[in-house]
């Protein structure tokens, strides 16, 4: 007997926990520039694009406009890191702790600021019944540390001064925990963390270093969601196979982006199917920017077949935010393939 049609919110939650669903939930994330291109291509108002694309999840963030440098080339985030506005992705052009190691002298952001979650509160009130809403805790821990300190410098810190590296990670953890509890008080549906630990072929550091410096702080960030029985989604790029058992042990529910170039989908399902759910799977590195229409259709079909043999446990999506190197026609083909999954 066919399942009763679920709301997007219900379908997403059930899929993350391997519960029966009426069809596989889908999600398409994109950069601001590519969002404008898609809205024009599909002739949809920009604010209605997520609904048109069939998205199930919405991420809410802090309310912070960000100061822009006089030349317009750098926008400073809430933490004080300056990102290059000329890049469609994330390039930390200014790391404020690169030359200033004294953590007590740094002007840390205030996670208790009264209006900090104003936009998040409004989004939850307006969209919380329809969408699965999570806080956007990207650059959650390790990435936040290196963006503040500088990529190469923080690796040096971890190797030569682990006490300092740990102190910096602790400062970040304490701030994130305040935000997490405030988000939970607003009624988010789960946690969403972003923290990249891998390159294309291996981890960026040894598993031992990750377990010593990152894992204990990550446990603290996961715990408020875990204690409430809420799912924990984590985006972590690259070849992180060696620490997947650790992530599962500390409470990870859902792994993103399951890049097909890096983590073998058959292996993932054999090793973790039923214990970890998956989110992503359609390559933004190869098939979406360079594939034919047939190759895009095949990729969608293969991901659905491999990662959801029981019909649940998957949120099918591009493996990363889509950028302007992807032909719009391939997006249209992928959308149609997503819709066919429900038939």
Protein backbone atom coordinates (compact mmCIF):
# COMPACT_ATOMS: atom_id res chain seq x y z
CA UNK A 1 0.00 0.00 0.00
CA UNK A 2 1.34 3.41 -0.98
CA UNK A 3 2.44 5.76 1.77
CA UNK A 4 0.43 8.89 2.43
CA UNK A 5 2.10 11.92 0.86
CA UNK A 6 4.44 13.58 3.32
CA UNK A 7 5.32 17.22 3.74
CA UNK A 8 8.83 18.27 2.77
CA UNK A 9 9.72 18.60 6.44
CA UNK A 10 8.39 15.13 7.34
CA UNK A 11 9.99 13.48 4.31
CA UNK A 12 13.38 14.96 5.10
CA UNK A 13 13.33 13.96 8.76
CA UNK A 14 12.20 10.42 8.02
CA UNK A 15 14.80 9.95 5.28
CA UNK A 16 17.61 11.02 7.61
CA UNK A 17 16.54 8.38 10.14
CA UNK A 18 15.93 5.56 7.63
CA UNK A 19 12.20 5.60 8.17
CA UNK A 20 9.74 4.78 5.33
CA UNK A 21 9.08 7.69 2.96
CA UNK A 22 6.85 8.28 -0.05
CA UNK A 23 9.76 9.42 -2.26
CA UNK A 24 13.40 10.46 -1.96
CA UNK A 25 13.82 14.08 -0.81
CA UNK A 26 15.90 16.38 -2.99
CA UNK A 27 17.98 19.48 -2.36
CA UNK A 28 19.79 21.94 -4.65
CA UNK A 29 22.10 24.56 -3.14
CA UNK A 30 23.80 27.25 -5.19
CA UNK A 31 25.88 30.41 -5.03
CA UNK A 32 24.17 33.79 -5.15
CA UNK A 33 25.43 34.42 -8.68
CA UNK A 34 24.21 31.06 -9.98
CA UNK A 35 20.89 31.49 -8.19
CA UNK A 36 20.25 34.64 -10.22
CA UNK A 37 21.12 32.77 -13.43
CA UNK A 38 18.77 29.92 -12.58
CA UNK A 39 15.92 32.25 -11.63
CA UNK A 40 16.22 33.95 -15.02
CA UNK A 41 16.54 30.65 -16.91
CA UNK A 42 13.50 29.05 -15.25
CA UNK A 43 11.59 32.36 -15.20
CA UNK A 44 11.02 32.13 -11.46
CA UNK A 45 11.28 34.95 -8.89
CA UNK A 46 14.56 34.55 -6.99
CA UNK A 47 12.81 34.20 -3.63
CA UNK A 48 10.67 31.34 -5.01
CA UNK A 49 13.59 29.44 -6.54
CA UNK A 50 14.15 27.00 -3.63
CA UNK A 51 10.49 25.93 -3.77
CA UNK A 52 10.60 25.58 -7.57
CA UNK A 53 13.72 23.41 -7.32
CA UNK A 54 11.96 21.08 -4.88
CA UNK A 55 14.21 21.80 -1.91
CA UNK A 56 13.32 20.21 1.41
CA UNK A 57 15.78 21.94 3.72
CA UNK A 58 16.41 25.56 4.61
CA UNK A 59 19.49 26.76 6.46
CA UNK A 60 19.19 29.77 8.74
CA UNK A 61 22.09 31.98 9.68
CA UNK A 62 23.03 34.88 11.89
CA UNK A 63 21.84 38.38 10.92
CA UNK A 64 25.02 40.13 9.84
CA UNK A 65 25.53 42.22 6.71
CA UNK A 66 29.32 42.24 6.83
CA UNK A 67 31.59 45.24 6.43
CA UNK A 68 33.06 45.68 2.95
CA UNK A 69 36.52 47.07 2.28
CA UNK A 70 36.82 50.48 0.62
CA UNK A 71 37.72 48.91 -2.73
CA UNK A 72 34.81 46.43 -2.47
CA UNK A 73 37.11 43.42 -2.85
CA UNK A 74 36.77 42.04 0.68
CA UNK A 75 33.71 41.38 2.82
CA UNK A 76 34.27 40.70 6.52
CA UNK A 77 32.13 38.07 8.18
CA UNK A 78 30.78 38.06 11.74
CA UNK A 79 34.02 36.56 13.05
CA UNK A 80 36.20 39.22 11.41
CA UNK A 81 37.55 37.10 8.54
CA UNK A 82 37.77 38.91 5.20
CA UNK A 83 36.57 36.93 2.17
CA UNK A 84 37.38 37.90 -1.41
CA UNK A 85 34.17 39.18 -3.05
CA UNK A 86 35.58 38.44 -6.51
CA UNK A 87 35.49 34.70 -5.80
CA UNK A 88 32.27 32.73 -6.27
CA UNK A 89 33.43 30.32 -3.59
CA UNK A 90 35.12 31.02 -0.25
CA UNK A 91 38.60 32.50 -0.26
CA UNK A 92 39.83 33.94 3.03
CA UNK A 93 41.83 36.96 1.94
CA UNK A 94 42.33 38.39 5.44
CA UNK A 95 42.90 36.25 8.53
CA UNK A 96 42.75 38.60 11.53
CA UNK A 97 44.79 36.38 13.88
CA UNK A 98 47.59 35.74 11.38
CA UNK A 99 49.92 38.20 13.09
CA UNK A 100 48.21 38.52 16.48
CA UNK A 101 48.50 35.36 18.52
CA UNK A 102 47.15 36.73 21.82
CA UNK A 103 43.58 35.43 21.97
CA UNK A 104 42.67 37.68 24.89
CA UNK A 105 43.30 40.81 22.82
CA UNK A 106 41.09 39.77 19.92
CA UNK A 107 37.65 41.37 19.63
CA UNK A 108 35.52 38.21 19.63
CA UNK A 109 31.95 38.41 18.29
CA UNK A 110 29.14 38.39 20.85
CA UNK A 111 26.90 35.31 20.46
CA UNK A 112 24.48 36.77 23.02
CA UNK A 113 23.67 39.88 20.92
CA UNK A 114 19.86 40.36 21.06
CA UNK A 115 19.08 40.68 17.34
CA UNK A 116 21.65 38.19 16.09
CA UNK A 117 19.08 35.55 15.13
CA UNK A 118 16.35 37.93 13.98
CA UNK A 119 16.30 36.61 10.39
CA UNK A 120 16.44 33.00 11.58
CA UNK A 121 13.46 33.55 13.86
CA UNK A 122 11.45 35.12 11.03
CA UNK A 123 12.30 32.28 8.65
CA UNK A 124 11.30 29.61 11.15
CA UNK A 125 8.01 31.40 11.83
CA UNK A 126 7.23 31.72 8.11
CA UNK A 127 8.62 28.44 6.72
CA UNK A 128 9.00 26.09 9.67
CA UNK A 129 5.85 24.11 8.98
CA UNK A 130 6.86 23.36 5.39
CA UNK A 131 10.64 23.02 5.40
CA UNK A 132 13.19 21.12 7.47
CA UNK A 133 15.18 23.97 9.04
CA UNK A 134 18.73 23.75 10.35
CA UNK A 135 21.24 26.33 11.55
CA UNK A 136 24.05 26.98 9.12
CA UNK A 137 27.11 26.13 11.21
CA UNK A 138 29.51 26.17 8.30
CA UNK A 139 33.18 26.83 9.06
CA UNK A 140 32.18 25.21 12.33
CA UNK A 141 35.48 24.47 14.02
CA UNK A 142 38.70 23.57 12.17
CA UNK A 143 37.77 25.75 9.19
CA UNK A 144 36.92 28.63 11.51
CA UNK A 145 40.29 28.27 13.22
CA UNK A 146 42.31 28.32 10.02
CA UNK A 147 40.25 31.15 8.54
CA UNK A 148 41.06 33.25 11.62
CA UNK A 149 44.70 32.24 11.82
CA UNK A 150 45.58 31.51 8.17
CA UNK A 151 45.50 28.09 6.50
CA UNK A 152 49.21 27.26 6.59
CA UNK A 153 49.79 28.96 9.92
CA UNK A 154 47.12 26.93 11.71
CA UNK A 155 48.66 23.70 10.45
CA UNK A 156 51.97 24.89 11.90
CA UNK A 157 50.17 25.68 15.16
CA UNK A 158 48.66 22.20 15.35
CA UNK A 159 52.04 20.59 14.81
CA UNK A 160 54.30 22.86 16.89
CA UNK A 161 51.99 24.49 19.43
CA UNK A 162 48.99 22.21 20.02
CA UNK A 163 48.18 23.99 23.28
CA UNK A 164 47.61 27.25 21.42
CA UNK A 165 45.69 25.48 18.64
CA UNK A 166 43.50 23.86 21.29
CA UNK A 167 42.88 27.20 23.01
CA UNK A 168 41.76 28.75 19.73
CA UNK A 169 39.46 25.80 19.03
CA UNK A 170 38.03 26.11 22.55
CA UNK A 171 37.20 29.79 22.01
CA UNK A 172 35.38 28.90 18.81
CA UNK A 173 33.57 26.00 20.49
CA UNK A 174 32.24 28.17 23.31
CA UNK A 175 30.84 30.75 20.89
CA UNK A 176 29.29 28.09 18.67
CA UNK A 177 27.65 26.44 21.67
CA UNK A 178 25.88 29.66 22.64
CA UNK A 179 24.58 29.98 19.08
CA UNK A 180 23.52 26.32 19.00
CA UNK A 181 21.44 26.62 22.15
CA UNK A 182 19.82 29.81 20.85
CA UNK A 183 18.95 28.08 17.57
CA UNK A 184 17.50 25.15 19.48
CA UNK A 185 15.36 27.51 21.52
CA UNK A 186 13.95 28.84 18.23
CA UNK A 187 12.91 25.31 17.23
CA UNK A 188 15.32 24.15 14.51
CA UNK A 189 14.85 20.59 13.28
CA UNK A 190 18.44 19.40 13.47
CA UNK A 191 22.06 20.45 13.19
CA UNK A 192 24.02 21.28 10.06
CA UNK A 193 27.81 21.52 10.38
CA UNK A 194 30.40 22.29 7.74
CA UNK A 195 34.05 21.44 8.45
CA UNK A 196 36.30 20.10 5.68
CA UNK A 197 38.89 17.56 6.84
CA UNK A 198 39.96 15.94 3.60
CA UNK A 199 41.66 16.57 0.28
CA UNK A 200 40.99 14.54 -2.85
CA UNK A 201 43.18 11.61 -1.80
CA UNK A 202 43.54 11.76 1.98
CA UNK A 203 42.92 13.61 5.22
CA UNK A 204 44.52 17.02 5.63
CA UNK A 205 46.15 15.77 8.85
CA UNK A 206 46.66 12.47 10.61
CA UNK A 207 43.70 10.72 12.24
CA UNK A 208 45.61 10.97 15.52
CA UNK A 209 45.83 14.76 15.25
CA UNK A 210 42.13 14.99 14.35
CA UNK A 211 41.21 12.83 17.34
CA UNK A 212 43.35 14.90 19.68
CA UNK A 213 42.36 18.41 18.57
CA UNK A 214 39.07 18.28 16.65
CA UNK A 215 37.03 15.33 17.87
CA UNK A 216 36.64 16.34 21.55
CA UNK A 217 35.34 19.79 20.58
CA UNK A 218 33.09 18.32 17.90
CA UNK A 219 31.55 16.05 20.55
CA UNK A 220 30.54 19.17 22.49
CA UNK A 221 28.99 20.77 19.40
CA UNK A 222 27.05 17.63 18.47
CA UNK A 223 25.80 16.92 21.99
CA UNK A 224 22.95 19.49 22.24
CA UNK A 225 21.33 18.02 19.12
CA UNK A 226 22.09 14.43 20.08
CA UNK A 227 20.61 14.94 23.55
CA UNK A 228 17.34 16.08 21.97
CA UNK A 229 17.19 13.22 19.49
CA UNK A 230 17.64 15.57 16.53
CA UNK A 231 19.56 14.56 13.39
CA UNK A 232 23.09 15.86 12.83
CA UNK A 233 24.14 16.56 9.25
CA UNK A 234 27.78 17.21 8.49
CA UNK A 235 29.37 18.50 5.31
CA UNK A 236 33.01 17.46 5.15
CA UNK A 237 34.81 17.41 1.83
CA UNK A 238 37.41 15.00 0.68
CA UNK A 239 38.70 11.57 1.58
CA UNK A 240 37.67 11.26 5.24
CA UNK A 241 37.17 7.50 5.21
CA UNK A 242 39.57 6.94 8.13
CA UNK A 243 37.52 9.02 10.57
CA UNK A 244 34.01 7.99 9.50
CA UNK A 245 33.76 5.45 12.37
CA UNK A 246 34.66 8.23 14.81
CA UNK A 247 32.04 10.59 13.39
CA UNK A 248 29.42 7.87 13.60
CA UNK A 249 30.41 7.11 17.18
CA UNK A 250 30.00 10.72 18.35
CA UNK A 251 26.53 11.04 16.87
CA UNK A 252 26.68 11.88 13.17
CA UNK A 253 23.39 11.04 11.47
CA UNK A 254 23.96 12.17 7.88
CA UNK A 255 27.10 12.51 5.76
CA UNK A 256 27.43 15.17 3.07
CA UNK A 257 28.57 15.57 0.26
CA UNK A 258 29.44 11.91 -0.54
CA UNK A 259 31.56 13.01 -3.50
CA UNK A 260 31.60 10.19 -6.06
CA UNK A 261 35.21 11.03 -7.04
CA UNK A 262 36.36 10.54 -3.45
CA UNK A 263 34.10 8.14 -1.51
CA UNK A 264 32.90 5.03 -3.33
CA UNK A 265 29.13 4.87 -3.04
CA UNK A 266 28.93 1.07 -3.11
CA UNK A 267 31.46 0.90 -0.27
CA UNK A 268 29.60 3.57 1.70
CA UNK A 269 26.33 1.70 1.46
CA UNK A 270 27.92 -1.64 2.32
CA UNK A 271 29.78 -0.25 5.33
CA UNK A 272 27.33 2.34 6.67
CA UNK A 273 23.93 1.79 5.11
CA UNK A 274 21.29 1.81 7.83
CA UNK A 275 23.66 3.55 10.26
CA UNK A 276 24.59 6.71 8.33
CA UNK A 277 22.22 8.40 5.95
CA UNK A 278 23.61 10.26 2.96
CA UNK A 279 23.07 13.70 1.45
CA UNK A 280 24.48 14.69 -1.95
CA UNK A 281 26.04 12.34 -4.47
CA UNK A 282 25.71 14.14 -7.84
CA UNK A 283 29.13 15.41 -8.84
CA UNK A 284 29.66 19.15 -9.23
CA UNK A 285 33.26 18.35 -10.19
CA UNK A 286 32.60 16.28 -13.30
CA UNK A 287 29.12 15.28 -14.42
CA UNK A 288 27.17 18.50 -13.81
CA UNK A 289 29.65 20.95 -15.36
CA UNK A 290 30.95 18.67 -18.13
CA UNK A 291 28.49 15.80 -18.60
CA UNK A 292 25.93 15.26 -21.33
CA UNK A 293 22.21 15.17 -20.59
CA UNK A 294 22.30 11.36 -20.62
CA UNK A 295 25.24 11.32 -18.24
CA UNK A 296 23.40 13.59 -15.81
CA UNK A 297 20.33 11.33 -15.91
CA UNK A 298 22.49 8.26 -15.38
CA UNK A 299 24.28 9.86 -12.42
CA UNK A 300 20.97 10.61 -10.70
CA UNK A 301 19.71 7.08 -11.32
CA UNK A 302 22.93 5.45 -10.08
CA UNK A 303 23.09 7.50 -6.89
CA UNK A 304 19.45 6.74 -6.08
CA UNK A 305 19.94 3.03 -6.80
CA UNK A 306 23.20 2.67 -4.88
CA UNK A 307 22.61 4.83 -1.82
CA UNK A 308 18.97 4.08 -1.18
CA UNK A 309 18.36 0.38 -1.87
CA UNK A 310 15.67 0.39 0.83
CA UNK A 311 13.99 3.51 -0.58
CA UNK A 312 15.13 5.78 2.25
CA UNK A 313 18.30 7.06 3.93
CA UNK A 314 19.20 9.52 1.17
CA UNK A 315 18.71 13.19 0.34
CA UNK A 316 19.76 13.30 -3.29
CA UNK A 317 21.54 16.50 -4.27
CA UNK A 318 24.52 18.00 -6.07
CA UNK A 319 27.61 17.27 -4.02
CA UNK A 320 28.31 20.98 -3.43
CA UNK A 321 26.75 24.37 -4.01
CA UNK A 322 26.28 24.71 -7.74
CA UNK A 323 28.38 27.42 -9.36
CA UNK A 324 28.39 29.23 -12.67
CA UNK A 325 30.51 26.60 -14.45
CA UNK A 326 27.44 24.34 -14.65
CA UNK A 327 25.33 24.61 -17.84
CA UNK A 328 21.78 25.61 -16.99
CA UNK A 329 20.43 22.93 -19.30
CA UNK A 330 22.13 20.30 -17.14
CA UNK A 331 20.31 21.73 -14.12
CA UNK A 332 17.02 21.34 -15.99
CA UNK A 333 17.90 17.72 -16.85
CA UNK A 334 18.81 16.97 -13.24
CA UNK A 335 15.57 18.54 -12.00
CA UNK A 336 13.52 16.37 -14.32
CA UNK A 337 15.48 13.28 -13.22
CA UNK A 338 14.78 14.17 -9.59
CA UNK A 339 11.06 14.47 -10.34
CA UNK A 340 11.07 11.10 -12.06
CA UNK A 341 12.33 9.47 -8.85
CA UNK A 342 8.91 10.07 -7.34
CA UNK A 343 7.04 8.26 -10.11
